Amino acid sequence: MRATAYRHKAVVGLAAAALITASCSTGENVDASAPPQVGLVSTTVEEAPEQPTEVKLIGERDVEVTLTGPIAAKYASATEEQKQALGKPLTGDRNAGARERGVLFQQFQGGVITAENGEAGTPAYITWGKIREAWNVERDADGVPDDLGDNGSMGPLGAPTSDEHPVGDLLVQTFDHGQVAFDPKTGHVAVTVNGKVVPSGL
C-alpha cells in the first residue's frame, strides 16, 4: 500500500516538474495542480474552389456570350471592380477567338482577357486602361510606333504575362517581351520592349 502511494506521489511530482519547466520556457504561469491541456492541431488542407469551364454573359446588343476555359476562369475569379471596369463582352469574330500564334482573347467594352492557350490551368490576364491603349499601338519590330507594324499580342510586346499590379506609385503590366508602366497621378505611360524604353505612341 505504501509503495503504491509513493509511486503516485512520484508521478504527480514529475508531472508538476514538467509543467513548471514548460512555464519557465514560455514565460507563462502554470497551475501545477491543473490537468495538462492538450490541443488538437488541424492538418486539413482546404482545396481551392474549382473554376468554371463556362461563364455565360449578356454582351452588347443583348447577345449572349459564352466564355470558356482559362478566360472563363479568369472572369469568374475577377473582383466586382474588375468586372465593372471590363463591362460587357464584345461580340463578333474580331472581338473573340485565337490569334495566329494561339493566344486566346475576349474583348470587353473596357478591356480584354487573354490566355496563352486553352488548356486547363493556363493563367489568363486582364489588360485595360492606358496600359491596354499602349499595348494596342501598332509598332515595328523594335517597338517604335509605326502604322505598318503590329499591335496587341501580335506586336513586339507580345502577350500579357501578368495582370496590372502596383510598383511604387506606378501600375505595371508585364508582357512576353517587355512591360508597360502607367503613372495614375501624371497620366504618363512608359513602354519597354526587350529592355529598351520606346515611345508610348499615345
Protein backbone atom coordinates (compact mmCIF):
# COMPACT_ATOMS: atom_id res chain seq x y z
CA MET A 1 0.00 0.00 0.00
CA ARG A 2 2.82 2.41 0.91
CA ALA A 3 4.71 1.56 -2.33
CA THR A 4 1.61 2.46 -4.39
CA ALA A 5 1.22 5.76 -2.54
CA TYR A 6 4.88 6.66 -3.08
CA ARG A 7 4.62 5.84 -6.80
CA HIS A 8 1.50 8.01 -7.14
CA LYS A 9 3.23 10.94 -5.41
CA ALA A 10 6.31 10.47 -7.61
CA VAL A 11 4.20 10.57 -10.82
CA VAL A 12 2.35 13.70 -9.65
CA GLY A 13 5.68 15.30 -8.71
CA LEU A 14 7.17 14.56 -12.15
CA ALA A 15 4.09 15.99 -13.89
CA ALA A 16 4.31 19.15 -11.79
CA ALA A 17 8.02 19.49 -12.55
CA ALA A 18 7.32 19.14 -16.28
CA LEU A 19 4.64 21.85 -16.13
CA ILE A 20 6.89 24.20 -14.16
CA THR A 21 9.71 23.65 -16.65
CA ALA A 22 7.32 24.38 -19.52
CA SER A 23 6.15 27.59 -17.87
CA CYS A 24 9.75 28.73 -17.44
CA SER A 25 10.43 28.30 -21.14
CA THR A 26 7.39 30.31 -22.26
CA GLY A 27 7.32 32.94 -19.51
CA GLU A 28 3.72 32.00 -18.57
CA ASN A 29 2.43 30.96 -15.14
CA VAL A 30 1.15 27.40 -14.98
CA ASP A 31 -1.06 25.93 -12.29
CA ALA A 32 0.74 22.68 -11.44
CA SER A 33 -2.42 21.24 -9.85
CA ALA A 34 -4.45 21.67 -13.05
CA PRO A 35 -4.54 18.80 -15.53
CA PRO A 36 -2.40 19.39 -18.61
CA GLN A 37 -4.32 20.80 -21.59
CA VAL A 38 -3.87 19.12 -24.92
CA GLY A 39 -4.85 20.99 -28.09
CA LEU A 40 -5.53 19.38 -31.44
CA VAL A 41 -3.67 20.77 -34.45
CA SER A 42 -5.74 20.82 -37.61
CA THR A 43 -3.88 19.50 -40.65
CA THR A 44 -6.78 19.78 -43.08
CA VAL A 45 -5.75 21.47 -46.32
CA GLU A 46 -8.53 23.47 -47.93
CA GLU A 47 -8.76 22.96 -51.66
CA ALA A 48 -9.28 25.95 -53.92
CA PRO A 49 -12.78 26.05 -55.36
CA GLU A 50 -12.93 24.55 -58.82
CA GLN A 51 -13.07 27.19 -61.55
CA PRO A 52 -15.98 27.04 -64.01
CA THR A 53 -15.31 25.87 -67.55
CA GLU A 54 -18.05 28.17 -68.88
CA VAL A 55 -19.41 31.59 -67.95
CA LYS A 56 -22.45 32.99 -69.77
CA LEU A 57 -22.78 36.78 -70.02
CA ILE A 58 -25.06 39.19 -71.82
CA GLY A 59 -22.95 41.17 -74.25
CA GLU A 60 -23.61 44.20 -76.38
CA ARG A 61 -26.98 44.34 -78.15
CA ASP A 62 -28.20 41.75 -75.59
CA VAL A 63 -26.36 38.90 -77.34
CA GLU A 64 -25.40 36.02 -75.05
CA VAL A 65 -21.64 35.41 -74.91
CA THR A 66 -20.14 32.20 -73.52
CA LEU A 67 -16.64 32.45 -72.04
CA THR A 68 -14.74 29.16 -71.85
CA GLY A 69 -11.52 27.69 -70.45
CA PRO A 70 -8.93 29.99 -68.86
CA ILE A 71 -10.85 33.13 -69.92
CA ALA A 72 -13.98 31.88 -68.12
CA ALA A 73 -11.91 31.01 -65.03
CA LYS A 74 -10.29 34.47 -65.02
CA TYR A 75 -13.60 36.27 -65.33
CA ALA A 76 -15.15 34.12 -62.59
CA SER A 77 -12.27 34.96 -60.21
CA ALA A 78 -12.22 38.69 -61.05
CA THR A 79 -13.28 41.20 -58.40
CA GLU A 80 -16.52 43.13 -58.78
CA GLU A 81 -14.44 46.23 -59.51
CA GLN A 82 -12.64 44.43 -62.34
CA LYS A 83 -15.91 43.10 -63.77
CA GLN A 84 -17.46 46.57 -63.72
CA ALA A 85 -14.39 48.09 -65.37
CA LEU A 86 -14.41 45.41 -68.08
CA GLY A 87 -18.08 45.98 -68.84
CA LYS A 88 -19.99 43.86 -71.33
CA PRO A 89 -18.21 41.41 -73.62
CA LEU A 90 -17.99 42.45 -77.26
CA THR A 91 -19.36 40.12 -79.91
CA GLY A 92 -18.21 39.06 -83.35
CA ASP A 93 -15.18 37.21 -84.70
CA ARG A 94 -12.84 40.20 -84.39
CA ASN A 95 -13.58 40.51 -80.66
CA ALA A 96 -13.02 36.94 -79.51
CA GLY A 97 -11.12 33.85 -80.57
CA ALA A 98 -7.49 32.95 -81.13
CA ARG A 99 -4.62 34.91 -82.68
CA GLU A 100 -2.32 33.26 -85.22
CA ARG A 101 0.18 32.29 -82.53
CA GLY A 102 -2.55 30.65 -80.43
CA VAL A 103 -3.23 33.37 -77.84
CA LEU A 104 -6.90 33.35 -76.85
CA PHE A 105 -8.74 36.62 -76.25
CA GLN A 106 -12.11 38.11 -75.38
CA GLN A 107 -12.61 41.83 -75.84
CA PHE A 108 -14.86 43.77 -73.46
CA GLN A 109 -16.13 47.35 -73.53
CA GLY A 110 -13.36 48.38 -71.14
CA GLY A 111 -10.60 45.82 -71.57
CA VAL A 112 -9.57 42.38 -72.74
CA ILE A 113 -8.85 38.99 -71.15
CA THR A 114 -6.10 36.91 -72.78
CA ALA A 115 -4.57 33.47 -72.22
CA GLU A 116 -1.59 31.79 -73.93
CA ASN A 117 -3.78 28.78 -74.80
CA GLY A 118 -6.99 27.00 -73.85
CA GLU A 119 -5.51 24.26 -71.66
CA ALA A 120 -6.97 23.90 -68.17
CA GLY A 121 -4.88 25.71 -65.57
CA THR A 122 -3.37 28.18 -68.07
CA PRO A 123 -3.32 31.62 -66.44
CA ALA A 124 -5.30 34.41 -68.07
CA TYR A 125 -4.81 38.16 -67.61
CA ILE A 126 -6.85 41.34 -67.76
CA THR A 127 -5.49 44.31 -69.72
CA TRP A 128 -7.28 47.66 -69.65
CA GLY A 129 -7.00 51.43 -69.46
CA LYS A 130 -3.87 53.28 -70.59
CA ILE A 131 -1.81 50.09 -70.47
CA ARG A 132 -4.16 48.47 -72.96
CA GLU A 133 -4.05 51.58 -75.17
CA ALA A 134 -0.23 51.47 -75.27
CA TRP A 135 -0.28 47.71 -75.95
CA ASN A 136 -2.66 48.31 -78.87
CA VAL A 137 -0.37 50.88 -80.55
CA GLU A 138 0.97 49.47 -83.82
CA ARG A 139 4.76 49.12 -83.51
CA ASP A 140 7.66 48.00 -85.65
CA ALA A 141 9.85 45.06 -84.60
CA ASP A 142 11.88 47.34 -82.28
CA GLY A 143 8.75 48.61 -80.51
CA VAL A 144 8.70 52.07 -82.11
CA PRO A 145 5.17 53.21 -83.08
CA ASP A 146 4.63 52.52 -86.78
CA ASP A 147 1.38 52.44 -88.78
CA LEU A 148 2.71 49.41 -90.68
CA GLY A 149 3.58 47.48 -87.51
CA ASP A 150 1.64 45.05 -85.34
CA ASN A 151 -0.14 45.56 -82.04
CA GLY A 152 -1.50 43.56 -79.14
CA SER A 153 -0.29 40.00 -78.70
CA MET A 154 0.98 40.01 -82.31
CA GLY A 155 3.09 43.13 -81.72
CA PRO A 156 6.63 43.32 -80.32
CA LEU A 157 5.43 43.37 -76.69
CA GLY A 158 3.72 40.01 -77.13
CA ALA A 159 1.03 38.61 -74.85
CA PRO A 160 0.46 39.67 -71.23
CA THR A 161 2.30 37.66 -68.58
CA SER A 162 0.73 39.37 -65.54
CA ASP A 163 -2.18 41.49 -64.50
CA GLU A 164 -1.65 45.17 -63.82
CA HIS A 165 0.00 45.47 -60.38
CA PRO A 166 1.35 48.34 -58.26
CA VAL A 167 5.09 49.05 -58.25
CA GLY A 168 5.65 52.09 -56.05
CA ASP A 169 3.40 54.83 -57.46
CA LEU A 170 3.06 53.10 -60.84
CA LEU A 171 0.75 50.46 -62.25
CA VAL A 172 2.78 47.94 -64.26
CA GLN A 173 1.85 45.06 -66.52
CA THR A 174 4.41 42.67 -67.97
CA PHE A 175 4.35 41.09 -71.42
CA ASP A 176 6.37 38.42 -73.25
CA HIS A 177 8.97 40.96 -74.38
CA GLY A 178 8.59 43.97 -72.11
CA GLN A 179 6.31 45.97 -69.90
CA VAL A 180 4.00 48.98 -69.80
CA ALA A 181 4.03 51.27 -66.74
CA PHE A 182 1.29 53.84 -66.07
CA ASP A 183 1.51 56.68 -63.55
CA PRO A 184 -2.07 57.43 -62.44
CA LYS A 185 -1.00 60.77 -60.89
CA THR A 186 0.57 62.20 -64.04
CA GLY A 187 -1.02 60.08 -66.76
CA HIS A 188 2.47 59.26 -68.10
CA VAL A 189 2.90 55.88 -69.83
CA ALA A 190 6.33 54.23 -70.27
CA VAL A 191 6.77 51.31 -72.65
CA THR A 192 9.79 48.98 -72.56
CA VAL A 193 10.41 46.44 -75.32
CA ASN A 194 13.27 43.95 -74.99
CA GLY A 195 14.88 46.10 -72.28
CA LYS A 196 14.72 49.33 -74.29
CA VAL A 197 12.39 52.24 -73.49
CA VAL A 198 10.39 53.20 -76.59
CA PRO A 199 7.81 55.93 -77.27
CA SER A 200 4.38 55.07 -75.88
CA GLY A 201 2.65 56.26 -79.02
CA LEU A 202 -0.21 57.75 -77.01
